[in-house]
PDB file of N, CA and C in Angstrom:
ATOM      1  N   MET A   1       1.977 -22.092  13.259  1.00  0.00           N
ATOM      2  CA  MET A   1       2.141 -23.103  12.234  1.00  0.00           C
ATOM      3  C   MET A   1       1.210 -22.829  11.049  1.00  0.00           C
ATOM      4  N   ARG A   2       0.041 -22.311  11.325  1.00  0.00           N
ATOM      5  CA  ARG A   2      -0.908 -22.107  10.220  1.00  0.00           C
ATOM      6  C   ARG A   2      -0.438 -21.024   9.266  1.00  0.00           C
ATOM      7  N   ARG A   3       0.209 -20.003   9.790  1.00  0.00           N
ATOM      8  CA  ARG A   3       0.591 -18.873   8.955  1.00  0.00           C
ATOM      9  C   ARG A   3       2.101 -18.840   8.685  1.00  0.00           C
ATOM     10  N   SER A   4       2.712 -19.972   8.685  1.00  0.00           N
ATOM     11  CA  SER A   4       4.156 -20.001   8.463  1.00  0.00           C
ATOM     12  C   SER A   4       4.518 -19.618   7.031  1.00  0.00           C
ATOM     13  N   HIS A   5       3.604 -19.699   6.105  1.00  0.00           N
ATOM     14  CA  HIS A   5       3.879 -19.340   4.712  1.00  0.00           C
ATOM     15  C   HIS A   5       3.579 -17.870   4.421  1.00  0.00           C
ATOM     16  N   HIS A   6       3.186 -17.084   5.418  1.00  0.00           N
ATOM     17  CA  HIS A   6       2.863 -15.670   5.228  1.00  0.00           C
ATOM     18  C   HIS A   6       4.078 -14.760   5.393  1.00  0.00           C
ATOM     19  N   ALA A   7       5.225 -15.315   5.667  1.00  0.00           N
ATOM     20  CA  ALA A   7       6.420 -14.500   5.880  1.00  0.00           C
ATOM     21  C   ALA A   7       6.802 -13.782   4.585  1.00  0.00           C
ATOM     22  N   LEU A   8       7.333 -12.573   4.712  1.00  0.00           N
ATOM     23  CA  LEU A   8       7.749 -11.812   3.554  1.00  0.00           C
ATOM     24  C   LEU A   8       9.125 -12.268   3.102  1.00  0.00           C
ATOM     25  N   GLY A   9       9.286 -12.382   1.804  1.00  0.00           N
ATOM     26  CA  GLY A   9      10.581 -12.741   1.245  1.00  0.00           C
ATOM     27  C   GLY A   9      11.400 -11.488   0.974  1.00  0.00           C
ATOM     28  N   ALA A  10      12.654 -11.675   0.694  1.00  0.00           N
ATOM     29  CA  ALA A  10      13.526 -10.551   0.381  1.00  0.00           C
ATOM     30  C   ALA A  10      13.195 -10.009  -1.009  1.00  0.00           C
ATOM     31  N   ASN A  11      13.321  -8.693  -1.179  1.00  0.00           N
ATOM     32  CA  ASN A  11      13.076  -8.081  -2.481  1.00  0.00           C
ATOM     33  C   ASN A  11      14.181  -8.474  -3.449  1.00  0.00           C
ATOM     34  N   SER A  12      13.799  -8.670  -4.707  1.00  0.00           N
ATOM     35  CA  SER A  12      14.796  -8.996  -5.718  1.00  0.00           C
ATOM     36  C   SER A  12      15.102  -7.749  -6.542  1.00  0.00           C
ATOM     37  N   PHE A  13      16.356  -7.592  -6.893  1.00  0.00           N
ATOM     38  CA  PHE A  13      16.803  -6.456  -7.684  1.00  0.00           C
ATOM     39  C   PHE A  13      17.663  -6.975  -8.820  1.00  0.00           C
ATOM     40  N   VAL A  14      17.612  -6.277  -9.939  1.00  0.00           N
ATOM     41  CA  VAL A  14      18.471  -6.592 -11.071  1.00  0.00           C
ATOM     42  C   VAL A  14      19.242  -5.331 -11.448  1.00  0.00           C
ATOM     43  N   GLU A  15      20.384  -5.515 -12.066  1.00  0.00           N
ATOM     44  CA  GLU A  15      21.192  -4.374 -12.487  1.00  0.00           C
ATOM     45  C   GLU A  15      20.683  -3.869 -13.824  1.00  0.00           C
ATOM     46  N   ASP A  16      20.460  -2.572 -13.928  1.00  0.00           N
ATOM     47  CA  ASP A  16      19.994  -1.959 -15.157  1.00  0.00           C
ATOM     48  C   ASP A  16      21.118  -1.978 -16.185  1.00  0.00           C
ATOM     49  N   LYS A  17      20.803  -2.370 -17.428  1.00  0.00           N
ATOM     50  CA  LYS A  17      21.818  -2.471 -18.468  1.00  0.00           C
ATOM     51  C   LYS A  17      22.355  -1.107 -18.884  1.00  0.00           C
ATOM     52  N   GLU A  18      21.502  -0.092 -18.873  1.00  0.00           N
ATOM     53  CA  GLU A  18      21.906   1.235 -19.332  1.00  0.00           C
ATOM     54  C   GLU A  18      22.704   1.994 -18.267  1.00  0.00           C
ATOM     55  N   THR A  19      22.146   2.090 -17.050  1.00  0.00           N
ATOM     56  CA  THR A  19      22.759   2.924 -16.015  1.00  0.00           C
ATOM     57  C   THR A  19      23.624   2.142 -15.037  1.00  0.00           C
ATOM     58  N   GLY A  20      23.415   0.848 -14.901  1.00  0.00           N
ATOM     59  CA  GLY A  20      24.184   0.043 -13.966  1.00  0.00           C
ATOM     60  C   GLY A  20      23.639   0.091 -12.545  1.00  0.00           C
ATOM     61  N   GLU A  21      22.509   0.787 -12.343  1.00  0.00           N
ATOM     62  CA  GLU A  21      21.914   0.868 -11.012  1.00  0.00           C
ATOM     63  C   GLU A  21      20.978  -0.317 -10.781  1.00  0.00           C
ATOM     64  N   LEU A  22      20.740  -0.606  -9.514  1.00  0.00           N
ATOM     65  CA  LEU A  22      19.818  -1.684  -9.175  1.00  0.00           C
ATOM     66  C   LEU A  22      18.383  -1.193  -9.275  1.00  0.00           C
ATOM     67  N   LYS A  23      17.508  -2.047  -9.815  1.00  0.00           N
ATOM     68  CA  LYS A  23      16.088  -1.706  -9.909  1.00  0.00           C
ATOM     69  C   LYS A  23      15.276  -2.975  -9.767  1.00  0.00           C
ATOM     70  N   ARG A  24      13.999  -2.810  -9.465  1.00  0.00           N
ATOM     71  CA  ARG A  24      13.109  -3.954  -9.348  1.00  0.00           C
ATOM     72  C   ARG A  24      12.778  -4.478 -10.737  1.00  0.00           C
ATOM     73  N   PRO A  25      12.723  -5.784 -10.924  1.00  0.00           N
ATOM     74  CA  PRO A  25      12.361  -6.308 -12.240  1.00  0.00           C
ATOM     75  C   PRO A  25      10.903  -6.026 -12.555  1.00  0.00           C
ATOM     76  N   HIS A  26      10.599  -5.765 -13.814  1.00  0.00           N
ATOM     77  CA  HIS A  26       9.250  -5.495 -14.309  1.00  0.00           C
ATOM     78  C   HIS A  26       8.650  -4.238 -13.709  1.00  0.00           C
ATOM     79  N   HIS A  27       9.490  -3.246 -13.388  1.00  0.00           N
ATOM     80  CA  HIS A  27       9.026  -1.964 -12.881  1.00  0.00           C
ATOM     81  C   HIS A  27       9.642  -0.849 -13.723  1.00  0.00           C
ATOM     82  N   VAL A  28       8.943   0.267 -13.801  1.00  0.00           N
ATOM     83  CA  VAL A  28       9.444   1.426 -14.528  1.00  0.00           C
ATOM     84  C   VAL A  28      10.557   2.070 -13.718  1.00  0.00           C
ATOM     85  N   ASP A  29      11.646   2.430 -14.383  1.00  0.00           N
ATOM     86  CA  ASP A  29      12.732   3.157 -13.735  1.00  0.00           C
ATOM     87  C   ASP A  29      12.310   4.615 -13.633  1.00  0.00           C
ATOM     88  N   LEU A  30      12.111   5.112 -12.424  1.00  0.00           N
ATOM     89  CA  LEU A  30      11.590   6.460 -12.237  1.00  0.00           C
ATOM     90  C   LEU A  30      12.595   7.542 -12.600  1.00  0.00           C
ATOM     91  N   LYS A  31      13.895   7.234 -12.546  1.00  0.00           N
ATOM     92  CA  LYS A  31      14.892   8.238 -12.904  1.00  0.00           C
ATOM     93  C   LYS A  31      14.909   8.502 -14.403  1.00  0.00           C
ATOM     94  N   THR A  32      14.842   7.435 -15.198  1.00  0.00           N
ATOM     95  CA  THR A  32      14.917   7.598 -16.646  1.00  0.00           C
ATOM     96  C   THR A  32      13.553   7.521 -17.324  1.00  0.00           C
ATOM     97  N   GLY A  33      12.571   6.897 -16.688  1.00  0.00           N
ATOM     98  CA  GLY A  33      11.248   6.746 -17.289  1.00  0.00           C
ATOM     99  C   GLY A  33      11.170   5.627 -18.307  1.00  0.00           C
ATOM    100  N   MET A  34      12.159   4.738 -18.304  1.00  0.00           N
ATOM    101  CA  MET A  34      12.222   3.671 -19.297  1.00  0.00           C
ATOM    102  C   MET A  34      11.636   2.379 -18.740  1.00  0.00           C
ATOM    103  N   TYR A  35      10.999   1.603 -19.632  1.00  0.00           N
ATOM    104  CA  TYR A  35      10.510   0.268 -19.315  1.00  0.00           C
ATOM    105  C   TYR A  35      10.635  -0.570 -20.570  1.00  0.00           C
ATOM    106  N   LYS A  36      11.380  -1.654 -20.494  1.00  0.00           N
ATOM    107  CA  LYS A  36      11.631  -2.549 -21.625  1.00  0.00           C
ATOM    108  C   LYS A  36      12.193  -1.808 -22.830  1.00  0.00           C
ATOM    109  N   GLY A  37      13.085  -0.850 -22.588  1.00  0.00           N
ATOM    110  CA  GLY A  37      13.727  -0.143 -23.676  1.00  0.00           C
ATOM    111  C   GLY A  37      12.897   0.956 -24.298  1.00  0.00           C
ATOM    112  N   ARG A  38      11.721   1.235 -23.746  1.00  0.00           N
ATOM    113  CA  ARG A  38      10.851   2.301 -24.288  1.00  0.00           C
ATOM    114  C   ARG A  38      10.716   3.401 -23.267  1.00  0.00           C
ATOM    115  N   GLN A  39      10.505   4.626 -23.746  1.00  0.00           N
ATOM    116  CA  GLN A  39      10.251   5.767 -22.866  1.00  0.00           C
ATOM    117  C   GLN A  39       8.761   5.746 -22.520  1.00  0.00           C
ATOM    118  N   VAL A  40       8.440   5.450 -21.265  1.00  0.00           N
ATOM    119  CA  VAL A  40       7.048   5.298 -20.854  1.00  0.00           C
ATOM    120  C   VAL A  40       6.526   6.563 -20.181  1.00  0.00           C
ATOM    121  N   ILE A  41       7.341   7.152 -19.303  1.00  0.00           N
ATOM    122  CA  ILE A  41       6.959   8.377 -18.626  1.00  0.00           C
ATOM    123  C   ILE A  41       8.071   9.394 -18.762  1.00  0.00           C
ATOM    124  N   THR A  42       7.747  10.646 -18.553  1.00  0.00           N
ATOM    125  CA  THR A  42       8.796  11.670 -18.590  1.00  0.00           C
ATOM    126  C   THR A  42       9.561  11.602 -17.278  1.00  0.00           C
ATOM    127  N   PRO A  43      10.892  11.653 -17.349  1.00  0.00           N
ATOM    128  CA  PRO A  43      11.684  11.556 -16.110  1.00  0.00           C
ATOM    129  C   PRO A  43      11.468  12.754 -15.212  1.00  0.00           C
ATOM    130  N   LYS A  44      11.619  12.515 -13.908  1.00  0.00           N
ATOM    131  CA  LYS A  44      11.495  13.577 -12.928  1.00  0.00           C
ATOM    132  C   LYS A  44      12.685  14.513 -13.014  1.00  0.00           C
ATOM    133  N   ALA A  45      12.429  15.805 -12.854  1.00  0.00           N
ATOM    134  CA  ALA A  45      13.519  16.771 -12.826  1.00  0.00           C
ATOM    135  C   ALA A  45      14.013  16.906 -11.394  1.00  0.00           C
ATOM    136  N   ASP A  46      15.341  16.847 -11.215  1.00  0.00           N
ATOM    137  CA  ASP A  46      15.907  16.931  -9.862  1.00  0.00           C
ATOM    138  C   ASP A  46      16.059  18.364  -9.420  1.00  0.00           C
TER     139      ASP A  46
END
């Protein structure tokens, strides 16, 4: 009863406007390197 609020919730995902893939909100997209419409990191080469 004491730790009933410690349960993990389900992860939330949003659809990316550019690619249509699911991603975590407020996280950098590692495939494209974009965050809030800006290029933040260089994308990984496959």
